[in-house]
PDB file of all heavy atoms in Angstrom:
ATOM      1  N   ALA A   1     -28.014 -29.117-105.449  1.00  0.00           N
ATOM      2  CA  ALA A   1     -28.363 -30.116-106.458  1.00  0.00           C
ATOM      3  C   ALA A   1     -27.944 -31.522-106.051  1.00  0.00           C
ATOM      4  O   ALA A   1     -28.664 -32.491-106.303  1.00  0.00           O
ATOM      5  CB  ALA A   1     -27.721 -29.740-107.793  1.00  0.00           C
ATOM      6  N   HIS A   2     -26.772 -31.662-105.387  1.00  0.00           N
ATOM      7  CA  HIS A   2     -26.283 -33.005-105.077  1.00  0.00           C
ATOM      8  C   HIS A   2     -27.048 -33.660-103.931  1.00  0.00           C
ATOM      9  O   HIS A   2     -26.815 -34.828-103.635  1.00  0.00           O
ATOM     10  CB  HIS A   2     -24.781 -32.973-104.763  1.00  0.00           C
ATOM     11  CG  HIS A   2     -24.421 -32.235-103.507  1.00  0.00           C
ATOM     12  ND1 HIS A   2     -24.262 -30.858-103.471  1.00  0.00           N
ATOM     13  CD2 HIS A   2     -24.197 -32.674-102.235  1.00  0.00           C
ATOM     14  CE1 HIS A   2     -23.938 -30.492-102.241  1.00  0.00           C
ATOM     15  NE2 HIS A   2     -23.894 -31.564-101.479  1.00  0.00           N
ATOM     16  N   ARG A   3     -27.966 -32.931-103.303  1.00  0.00           N
ATOM     17  CA  ARG A   3     -28.779 -33.505-102.235  1.00  0.00           C
ATOM     18  C   ARG A   3     -30.211 -33.822-102.669  1.00  0.00           C
ATOM     19  O   ARG A   3     -30.985 -34.384-101.892  1.00  0.00           O
ATOM     20  CB  ARG A   3     -28.843 -32.531-101.040  1.00  0.00           C
ATOM     21  CG  ARG A   3     -27.518 -32.281-100.363  1.00  0.00           C
ATOM     22  CD  ARG A   3     -27.035 -33.509 -99.636  1.00  0.00           C
ATOM     23  NE  ARG A   3     -25.821 -33.265 -98.876  1.00  0.00           N
ATOM     24  CZ  ARG A   3     -25.087 -34.216 -98.321  1.00  0.00           C
ATOM     25  NH1 ARG A   3     -25.458 -35.478 -98.447  1.00  0.00           N
ATOM     26  NH2 ARG A   3     -23.995 -33.914 -97.657  1.00  0.00           N
ATOM     27  N   ILE A   4     -30.568 -33.468-103.884  1.00  0.00           N
ATOM     28  CA  ILE A   4     -31.955 -33.604-104.310  1.00  0.00           C
ATOM     29  C   ILE A   4     -32.391 -35.065-104.368  1.00  0.00           C
ATOM     30  O   ILE A   4     -33.500 -35.427-103.960  1.00  0.00           O
ATOM     31  CB  ILE A   4     -32.162 -32.910-105.672  1.00  0.00           C
ATOM     32  CG1 ILE A   4     -32.019 -31.401-105.502  1.00  0.00           C
ATOM     33  CG2 ILE A   4     -33.528 -33.240-106.248  1.00  0.00           C
ATOM     34  CD1 ILE A   4     -32.962 -30.784-104.490  1.00  0.00           C
ATOM     35  N   ALA A   5     -31.534 -35.947-104.887  1.00  0.00           N
ATOM     36  CA  ALA A   5     -31.904 -37.363-104.961  1.00  0.00           C
ATOM     37  C   ALA A   5     -32.144 -37.935-103.566  1.00  0.00           C
ATOM     38  O   ALA A   5     -33.050 -38.750-103.369  1.00  0.00           O
ATOM     39  CB  ALA A   5     -30.808 -38.155-105.674  1.00  0.00           C
ATOM     40  N   GLU A   6     -31.348 -37.500-102.583  1.00  0.00           N
ATOM     41  CA  GLU A   6     -31.533 -37.968-101.214  1.00  0.00           C
ATOM     42  C   GLU A   6     -32.893 -37.553-100.664  1.00  0.00           C
ATOM     43  O   GLU A   6     -33.462 -38.249 -99.818  1.00  0.00           O
ATOM     44  CB  GLU A   6     -30.438 -37.406-100.302  1.00  0.00           C
ATOM     45  CG  GLU A   6     -29.039 -37.896-100.636  1.00  0.00           C
ATOM     46  CD  GLU A   6     -27.995 -37.236 -99.756  1.00  0.00           C
ATOM     47  OE1 GLU A   6     -28.380 -36.642 -98.712  1.00  0.00           O
ATOM     48  OE2 GLU A   6     -26.808 -37.285-100.097  1.00  0.00           O
ATOM     49  N   GLN A   7     -33.411 -36.406-101.122  1.00  0.00           N
ATOM     50  CA  GLN A   7     -34.692 -35.918-100.635  1.00  0.00           C
ATOM     51  C   GLN A   7     -35.877 -36.643-101.262  1.00  0.00           C
ATOM     52  O   GLN A   7     -37.008 -36.492-100.815  1.00  0.00           O
ATOM     53  CB  GLN A   7     -34.818 -34.406-100.892  1.00  0.00           C
ATOM     54  CG  GLN A   7     -33.712 -33.563-100.299  1.00  0.00           C
ATOM     55  CD  GLN A   7     -33.534 -33.779 -98.813  1.00  0.00           C
ATOM     56  OE1 GLN A   7     -34.507 -33.981 -98.090  1.00  0.00           O
ATOM     57  NE2 GLN A   7     -32.296 -33.765 -98.353  1.00  0.00           N
ATOM     58  N   GLY A   8     -35.616 -37.416-102.344  1.00  0.00           N
ATOM     59  CA  GLY A   8     -36.703 -38.183-102.948  1.00  0.00           C
ATOM     60  C   GLY A   8     -37.128 -37.714-104.321  1.00  0.00           C
ATOM     61  O   GLY A   8     -38.244 -38.008-104.762  1.00  0.00           O
ATOM     62  N   VAL A   9     -36.244 -36.983-105.019  1.00  0.00           N
ATOM     63  CA  VAL A   9     -36.542 -36.525-106.374  1.00  0.00           C
ATOM     64  C   VAL A   9     -35.546 -37.193-107.325  1.00  0.00           C
ATOM     65  O   VAL A   9     -34.338 -36.984-107.217  1.00  0.00           O
ATOM     66  CB  VAL A   9     -36.441 -34.995-106.517  1.00  0.00           C
ATOM     67  CG1 VAL A   9     -36.745 -34.570-107.960  1.00  0.00           C
ATOM     68  CG2 VAL A   9     -37.391 -34.311-105.544  1.00  0.00           C
ATOM     69  N   GLY A  10     -36.049 -38.030-108.238  1.00  0.00           N
ATOM     70  CA  GLY A  10     -35.209 -38.677-109.237  1.00  0.00           C
ATOM     71  C   GLY A  10     -35.577 -38.179-110.613  1.00  0.00           C
ATOM     72  O   GLY A  10     -36.698 -37.730-110.839  1.00  0.00           O
ATOM     73  N   ARG A  11     -34.624 -38.265-111.556  1.00  0.00           N
ATOM     74  CA  ARG A  11     -34.935 -37.772-112.892  1.00  0.00           C
ATOM     75  C   ARG A  11     -34.166 -38.535-113.958  1.00  0.00           C
ATOM     76  O   ARG A  11     -33.132 -39.149-113.698  1.00  0.00           O
ATOM     77  CB  ARG A  11     -34.646 -36.275-113.025  1.00  0.00           C
ATOM     78  CG  ARG A  11     -33.181 -35.899-113.106  1.00  0.00           C
ATOM     79  CD  ARG A  11     -32.999 -34.448-113.529  1.00  0.00           C
ATOM     80  NE  ARG A  11     -33.371 -34.223-114.926  1.00  0.00           N
ATOM     81  CZ  ARG A  11     -33.314 -33.032-115.538  1.00  0.00           C
ATOM     82  NH1 ARG A  11     -32.940 -31.957-114.867  1.00  0.00           N
ATOM     83  NH2 ARG A  11     -33.657 -32.902-116.800  1.00  0.00           N
ATOM     84  N   THR A  12     -34.736 -38.505-115.175  1.00  0.00           N
ATOM     85  CA  THR A  12     -34.030 -38.925-116.370  1.00  0.00           C
ATOM     86  C   THR A  12     -33.756 -37.675-117.200  1.00  0.00           C
ATOM     87  O   THR A  12     -34.267 -36.588-116.896  1.00  0.00           O
ATOM     88  CB  THR A  12     -34.851 -39.923-117.194  1.00  0.00           C
ATOM     89  OG1 THR A  12     -36.040 -39.262-117.686  1.00  0.00           O
ATOM     90  CG2 THR A  12     -35.256 -41.131-116.356  1.00  0.00           C
ATOM     91  N   PHE A  13     -32.958 -37.848-118.262  1.00  0.00           N
ATOM     92  CA  PHE A  13     -32.554 -36.702-119.077  1.00  0.00           C
ATOM     93  C   PHE A  13     -32.920 -36.946-120.534  1.00  0.00           C
ATOM     94  O   PHE A  13     -32.893 -38.083-121.018  1.00  0.00           O
ATOM     95  CB  PHE A  13     -31.045 -36.463-118.967  1.00  0.00           C
ATOM     96  CG  PHE A  13     -30.611 -36.018-117.593  1.00  0.00           C
ATOM     97  CD1 PHE A  13     -30.377 -36.953-116.601  1.00  0.00           C
ATOM     98  CD2 PHE A  13     -30.442 -34.684-117.301  1.00  0.00           C
ATOM     99  CE1 PHE A  13     -29.980 -36.560-115.333  1.00  0.00           C
ATOM    100  CE2 PHE A  13     -30.047 -34.269-116.033  1.00  0.00           C
ATOM    101  CZ  PHE A  13     -29.814 -35.216-115.044  1.00  0.00           C
ATOM    102  N   GLN A  14     -33.231 -35.846-121.231  1.00  0.00           N
ATOM    103  CA  GLN A  14     -33.543 -35.957-122.656  1.00  0.00           C
ATOM    104  C   GLN A  14     -32.349 -36.533-123.412  1.00  0.00           C
ATOM    105  O   GLN A  14     -32.482 -37.421-124.246  1.00  0.00           O
ATOM    106  CB  GLN A  14     -33.910 -34.580-123.212  1.00  0.00           C
ATOM    107  CG  GLN A  14     -34.251 -34.600-124.690  1.00  0.00           C
ATOM    108  CD  GLN A  14     -34.649 -33.227-125.209  1.00  0.00           C
ATOM    109  OE1 GLN A  14     -34.771 -32.275-124.447  1.00  0.00           O
ATOM    110  NE2 GLN A  14     -34.832 -33.110-126.496  1.00  0.00           N
ATOM    111  N   ASN A  15     -31.160 -36.012-123.126  1.00  0.00           N
ATOM    112  CA  ASN A  15     -29.920 -36.569-123.651  1.00  0.00           C
ATOM    113  C   ASN A  15     -29.362 -37.499-122.581  1.00  0.00           C
ATOM    114  O   ASN A  15     -29.063 -37.062-121.474  1.00  0.00           O
ATOM    115  CB  ASN A  15     -28.918 -35.458-123.970  1.00  0.00           C
ATOM    116  CG  ASN A  15     -29.452 -34.498-125.028  1.00  0.00           C
ATOM    117  OD1 ASN A  15     -29.992 -34.924-126.042  1.00  0.00           O
ATOM    118  ND2 ASN A  15     -29.334 -33.213-124.772  1.00  0.00           N
ATOM    119  N   LEU A  16     -29.258 -38.770-122.908  1.00  0.00           N
ATOM    120  CA  LEU A  16     -28.898 -39.773-121.918  1.00  0.00           C
ATOM    121  C   LEU A  16     -27.663 -39.381-121.124  1.00  0.00           C
ATOM    122  O   LEU A  16     -26.661 -38.929-121.678  1.00  0.00           O
ATOM    123  CB  LEU A  16     -28.652 -41.118-122.603  1.00  0.00           C
ATOM    124  CG  LEU A  16     -29.877 -41.775-123.245  1.00  0.00           C
ATOM    125  CD1 LEU A  16     -29.454 -42.995-124.044  1.00  0.00           C
ATOM    126  CD2 LEU A  16     -30.895 -42.154-122.187  1.00  0.00           C
ATOM    127  N   ALA A  17     -27.735 -39.557-119.800  1.00  0.00           N
ATOM    128  CA  ALA A  17     -26.625 -39.222-118.907  1.00  0.00           C
ATOM    129  C   ALA A  17     -26.086 -40.476-118.243  1.00  0.00           C
ATOM    130  O   ALA A  17     -25.858 -40.512-117.036  1.00  0.00           O
ATOM    131  CB  ALA A  17     -27.088 -38.203-117.858  1.00  0.00           C
ATOM    132  N   LEU A  18     -25.902 -41.522-119.042  1.00  0.00           N
ATOM    133  CA  LEU A  18     -25.386 -42.787-118.543  1.00  0.00           C
ATOM    134  C   LEU A  18     -23.862 -42.830-118.677  1.00  0.00           C
ATOM    135  O   LEU A  18     -23.262 -41.990-119.344  1.00  0.00           O
ATOM    136  CB  LEU A  18     -26.002 -43.954-119.315  1.00  0.00           C
ATOM    137  CG  LEU A  18     -27.520 -44.121-119.173  1.00  0.00           C
ATOM    138  CD1 LEU A  18     -28.038 -45.096-120.228  1.00  0.00           C
ATOM    139  CD2 LEU A  18     -27.887 -44.607-117.775  1.00  0.00           C
ATOM    140  N   PHE A  19     -23.248 -43.838-118.053  1.00  0.00           N
ATOM    141  CA  PHE A  19     -21.820 -44.094-118.214  1.00  0.00           C
ATOM    142  C   PHE A  19     -21.688 -45.197-119.270  1.00  0.00           C
ATOM    143  O   PHE A  19     -21.872 -46.384-118.965  1.00  0.00           O
ATOM    144  CB  PHE A  19     -21.197 -44.512-116.891  1.00  0.00           C
ATOM    145  CG  PHE A  19     -21.231 -43.418-115.854  1.00  0.00           C
ATOM    146  CD1 PHE A  19     -22.275 -43.324-114.939  1.00  0.00           C
ATOM    147  CD2 PHE A  19     -20.218 -42.467-115.808  1.00  0.00           C
ATOM    148  CE1 PHE A  19     -22.312 -42.315-113.995  1.00  0.00           C
ATOM    149  CE2 PHE A  19     -20.243 -41.441-114.858  1.00  0.00           C
ATOM    150  CZ  PHE A  19     -21.291 -41.369-113.956  1.00  0.00           C
ATOM    151  N   PRO A  20     -21.384 -44.840-120.513  1.00  0.00           N
ATOM    152  CA  PRO A  20     -21.494 -45.799-121.614  1.00  0.00           C
ATOM    153  C   PRO A  20     -20.548 -46.993-121.511  1.00  0.00           C
ATOM    154  O   PRO A  20     -20.846 -48.062-122.040  1.00  0.00           O
ATOM    155  CB  PRO A  20     -21.186 -44.955-122.855  1.00  0.00           C
ATOM    156  CG  PRO A  20     -20.440 -43.765-122.344  1.00  0.00           C
ATOM    157  CD  PRO A  20     -20.981 -43.506-120.977  1.00  0.00           C
ATOM    158  N   ASN A  21     -19.406 -46.839-120.848  1.00  0.00           N
ATOM    159  CA  ASN A  21     -18.448 -47.934-120.775  1.00  0.00           C
ATOM    160  C   ASN A  21     -18.653 -48.836-119.561  1.00  0.00           C
ATOM    161  O   ASN A  21     -17.906 -49.802-119.378  1.00  0.00           O
ATOM    162  CB  ASN A  21     -17.019 -47.385-120.782  1.00  0.00           C
ATOM    163  CG  ASN A  21     -16.652 -46.784-122.129  1.00  0.00           C
ATOM    164  OD1 ASN A  21     -17.006 -47.331-123.168  1.00  0.00           O
ATOM    165  ND2 ASN A  21     -15.974 -45.655-122.112  1.00  0.00           N
ATOM    166  N   LEU A  22     -19.655 -48.513-118.736  1.00  0.00           N
ATOM    167  CA  LEU A  22     -20.005 -49.377-117.607  1.00  0.00           C
ATOM    168  C   LEU A  22     -21.161 -50.284-118.007  1.00  0.00           C
ATOM    169  O   LEU A  22     -21.902 -50.004-118.945  1.00  0.00           O
ATOM    170  CB  LEU A  22     -20.391 -48.542-116.386  1.00  0.00           C
ATOM    171  CG  LEU A  22     -19.299 -47.659-115.784  1.00  0.00           C
ATOM    172  CD1 LEU A  22     -19.833 -46.953-114.538  1.00  0.00           C
ATOM    173  CD2 LEU A  22     -18.051 -48.459-115.444  1.00  0.00           C
ATOM    174  N   THR A  23     -21.324 -51.363-117.270  1.00  0.00           N
ATOM    175  CA  THR A  23     -22.421 -52.284-117.546  1.00  0.00           C
ATOM    176  C   THR A  23     -23.746 -51.701-117.077  1.00  0.00           C
ATOM    177  O   THR A  23     -23.784 -50.710-116.338  1.00  0.00           O
ATOM    178  CB  THR A  23     -22.190 -53.624-116.840  1.00  0.00           C
ATOM    179  OG1 THR A  23     -22.217 -53.401-115.418  1.00  0.00           O
ATOM    180  CG2 THR A  23     -20.877 -54.255-117.241  1.00  0.00           C
ATOM    181  N   VAL A  24     -24.808 -52.353-117.497  1.00  0.00           N
ATOM    182  CA  VAL A  24     -26.146 -51.940-117.068  1.00  0.00           C
ATOM    183  C   VAL A  24     -26.253 -51.957-115.546  1.00  0.00           C
ATOM    184  O   VAL A  24     -26.691 -50.982-114.925  1.00  0.00           O
ATOM    185  CB  VAL A  24     -27.210 -52.862-117.686  1.00  0.00           C
ATOM    186  CG1 VAL A  24     -28.575 -52.622-117.047  1.00  0.00           C
ATOM    187  CG2 VAL A  24     -27.287 -52.659-119.193  1.00  0.00           C
ATOM    188  N   ILE A  25     -25.829 -53.048-114.915  1.00  0.00           N
ATOM    189  CA  ILE A  25     -25.994 -53.147-113.465  1.00  0.00           C
ATOM    190  C   ILE A  25     -25.134 -52.125-112.738  1.00  0.00           C
ATOM    191  O   ILE A  25     -25.555 -51.567-111.713  1.00  0.00           O
ATOM    192  CB  ILE A  25     -25.719 -54.580-112.964  1.00  0.00           C
ATOM    193  CG1 ILE A  25     -26.207 -54.717-111.509  1.00  0.00           C
ATOM    194  CG2 ILE A  25     -24.254 -54.963-113.106  1.00  0.00           C
ATOM    195  CD1 ILE A  25     -26.295 -56.151-111.039  1.00  0.00           C
ATOM    196  N   ASP A  26     -23.949 -51.816-113.273  1.00  0.00           N
ATOM    197  CA  ASP A  26     -23.116 -50.804-112.635  1.00  0.00           C
ATOM    198  C   ASP A  26     -23.767 -49.425-112.724  1.00  0.00           C
ATOM    199  O   ASP A  26     -23.716 -48.636-111.772  1.00  0.00           O
ATOM    200  CB  ASP A  26     -21.728 -50.770-113.269  1.00  0.00           C
ATOM    201  CG  ASP A  26     -20.866 -51.953-112.848  1.00  0.00           C
ATOM    202  OD1 ASP A  26     -21.160 -52.541-111.790  1.00  0.00           O
ATOM    203  OD2 ASP A  26     -19.911 -52.295-113.580  1.00  0.00           O
ATOM    204  N   ASN A  27     -24.385 -49.118-113.863  1.00  0.00           N
ATOM    205  CA  ASN A  27     -25.080 -47.839-113.997  1.00  0.00           C
ATOM    206  C   ASN A  27     -26.240 -47.734-113.010  1.00  0.00           C
ATOM    207  O   ASN A  27     -26.447 -46.697-112.392  1.00  0.00           O
ATOM    208  CB  ASN A  27     -25.594 -47.662-115.428  1.00  0.00           C
ATOM    209  CG  ASN A  27     -24.611 -46.957-116.337  1.00  0.00           C
ATOM    210  OD1 ASN A  27     -24.531 -45.733-116.362  1.00  0.00           O
ATOM    211  ND2 ASN A  27     -23.830 -47.744-117.075  1.00  0.00           N
ATOM    212  N   VAL A  28     -27.008 -48.808-112.864  1.00  0.00           N
ATOM    213  CA  VAL A  28     -28.149 -48.781-111.946  1.00  0.00           C
ATOM    214  C   VAL A  28     -27.669 -48.695-110.499  1.00  0.00           C
ATOM    215  O   VAL A  28     -28.264 -47.993-109.675  1.00  0.00           O
ATOM    216  CB  VAL A  28     -29.046 -50.012-112.164  1.00  0.00           C
ATOM    217  CG1 VAL A  28     -30.207 -50.013-111.176  1.00  0.00           C
ATOM    218  CG2 VAL A  28     -29.578 -50.030-113.596  1.00  0.00           C
ATOM    219  N   CYS A  29     -26.574 -49.367-110.188  1.00  0.00           N
ATOM    220  CA  CYS A  29     -26.025 -49.298-108.826  1.00  0.00           C
ATOM    221  C   CYS A  29     -25.623 -47.882-108.457  1.00  0.00           C
ATOM    222  O   CYS A  29     -25.743 -47.483-107.290  1.00  0.00           O
ATOM    223  CB  CYS A  29     -24.816 -50.220-108.698  1.00  0.00           C
ATOM    224  SG  CYS A  29     -25.212 -51.968-108.525  1.00  0.00           S
ATOM    225  N   ILE A  30     -25.148 -47.120-109.445  1.00  0.00           N
ATOM    226  CA  ILE A  30     -24.759 -45.732-109.167  1.00  0.00           C
ATOM    227  C   ILE A  30     -25.958 -44.942-108.647  1.00  0.00           C
ATOM    228  O   ILE A  30     -25.834 -44.121-107.736  1.00  0.00           O
ATOM    229  CB  ILE A  30     -24.166 -45.083-110.431  1.00  0.00           C
ATOM    230  CG1 ILE A  30     -22.773 -45.672-110.701  1.00  0.00           C
ATOM    231  CG2 ILE A  30     -24.093 -43.559-110.296  1.00  0.00           C
ATOM    232  CD1 ILE A  30     -22.196 -45.318-112.052  1.00  0.00           C
ATOM    233  N   GLY A  31     -27.142 -45.207-109.205  1.00  0.00           N
ATOM    234  CA  GLY A  31     -28.344 -44.552-108.683  1.00  0.00           C
ATOM    235  C   GLY A  31     -28.605 -44.929-107.243  1.00  0.00           C
ATOM    236  O   GLY A  31     -28.971 -44.089-106.415  1.00  0.00           O
ATOM    237  N   GLY A  32     -28.402 -46.201-106.901  1.00  0.00           N
ATOM    238  CA  GLY A  32     -28.635 -46.655-105.540  1.00  0.00           C
ATOM    239  C   GLY A  32     -27.691 -46.070-104.527  1.00  0.00           C
ATOM    240  O   GLY A  32     -28.024 -45.970-103.335  1.00  0.00           O
ATOM    241  N   HIS A  33     -26.496 -45.630-104.965  1.00  0.00           N
ATOM    242  CA  HIS A  33     -25.523 -45.081-104.018  1.00  0.00           C
ATOM    243  C   HIS A  33     -25.988 -43.784-103.382  1.00  0.00           C
ATOM    244  O   HIS A  33     -25.488 -43.391-102.330  1.00  0.00           O
ATOM    245  CB  HIS A  33     -24.168 -44.868-104.708  1.00  0.00           C
ATOM    246  CG  HIS A  33     -23.376 -46.128-104.882  1.00  0.00           C
ATOM    247  ND1 HIS A  33     -23.194 -47.046-103.876  1.00  0.00           N
ATOM    248  CD2 HIS A  33     -22.712 -46.631-105.964  1.00  0.00           C
ATOM    249  CE1 HIS A  33     -22.460 -48.049-104.312  1.00  0.00           C
ATOM    250  NE2 HIS A  33     -22.172 -47.831-105.587  1.00  0.00           N
ATOM    251  N   THR A  34     -26.947 -43.093-104.013  1.00  0.00           N
ATOM    252  CA  THR A  34     -27.444 -41.848-103.413  1.00  0.00           C
ATOM    253  C   THR A  34     -28.166 -42.109-102.106  1.00  0.00           C
ATOM    254  O   THR A  34     -28.315 -41.206-101.283  1.00  0.00           O
ATOM    255  CB  THR A  34     -28.406 -41.116-104.369  1.00  0.00           C
ATOM    256  OG1 THR A  34     -29.555 -41.953-104.615  1.00  0.00           O
ATOM    257  CG2 THR A  34     -27.723 -40.790-105.687  1.00  0.00           C
ATOM    258  N   GLN A  35     -28.642 -43.337-101.910  1.00  0.00           N
ATOM    259  CA  GLN A  35     -29.379 -43.667-100.689  1.00  0.00           C
ATOM    260  C   GLN A  35     -28.570 -44.541 -99.726  1.00  0.00           C
ATOM    261  O   GLN A  35     -28.990 -44.757 -98.602  1.00  0.00           O
ATOM    262  CB  GLN A  35     -30.672 -44.409-101.047  1.00  0.00           C
ATOM    263  CG  GLN A  35     -31.607 -43.645-101.956  1.00  0.00           C
ATOM    264  CD  GLN A  35     -32.159 -42.381-101.322  1.00  0.00           C
ATOM    265  OE1 GLN A  35     -32.261 -42.274-100.121  1.00  0.00           O
ATOM    266  NE2 GLN A  35     -32.511 -41.407-102.153  1.00  0.00           N
ATOM    267  N   SER A  36     -27.392 -45.025-100.165  1.00  0.00           N
ATOM    268  CA  SER A  36     -26.663 -45.978 -99.332  1.00  0.00           C
ATOM    269  C   SER A  36     -25.676 -45.341 -98.376  1.00  0.00           C
ATOM    270  O   SER A  36     -25.169 -45.999 -97.477  1.00  0.00           O
ATOM    271  CB  SER A  36     -25.920 -46.980-100.230  1.00  0.00           C
ATOM    272  OG  SER A  36     -24.916 -46.318-100.987  1.00  0.00           O
ATOM    273  N   GLY A  37     -25.383 -44.042 -98.587  1.00  0.00           N
ATOM    274  CA  GLY A  37     -24.475 -43.362 -97.674  1.00  0.00           C
ATOM    275  C   GLY A  37     -23.075 -43.943 -97.670  1.00  0.00           C
ATOM    276  O   GLY A  37     -22.496 -44.199 -96.613  1.00  0.00           O
TER     277      GLY A  37
END
């Protein structure tokens, strides 16, 4: 499962899986880390 995003499969969730105490840009950056190595 932890390699799926690296292969090119992204997803959202019915129940939000965000980090509520982080900022918007920090949450989006977390998605980018899957490709930054």
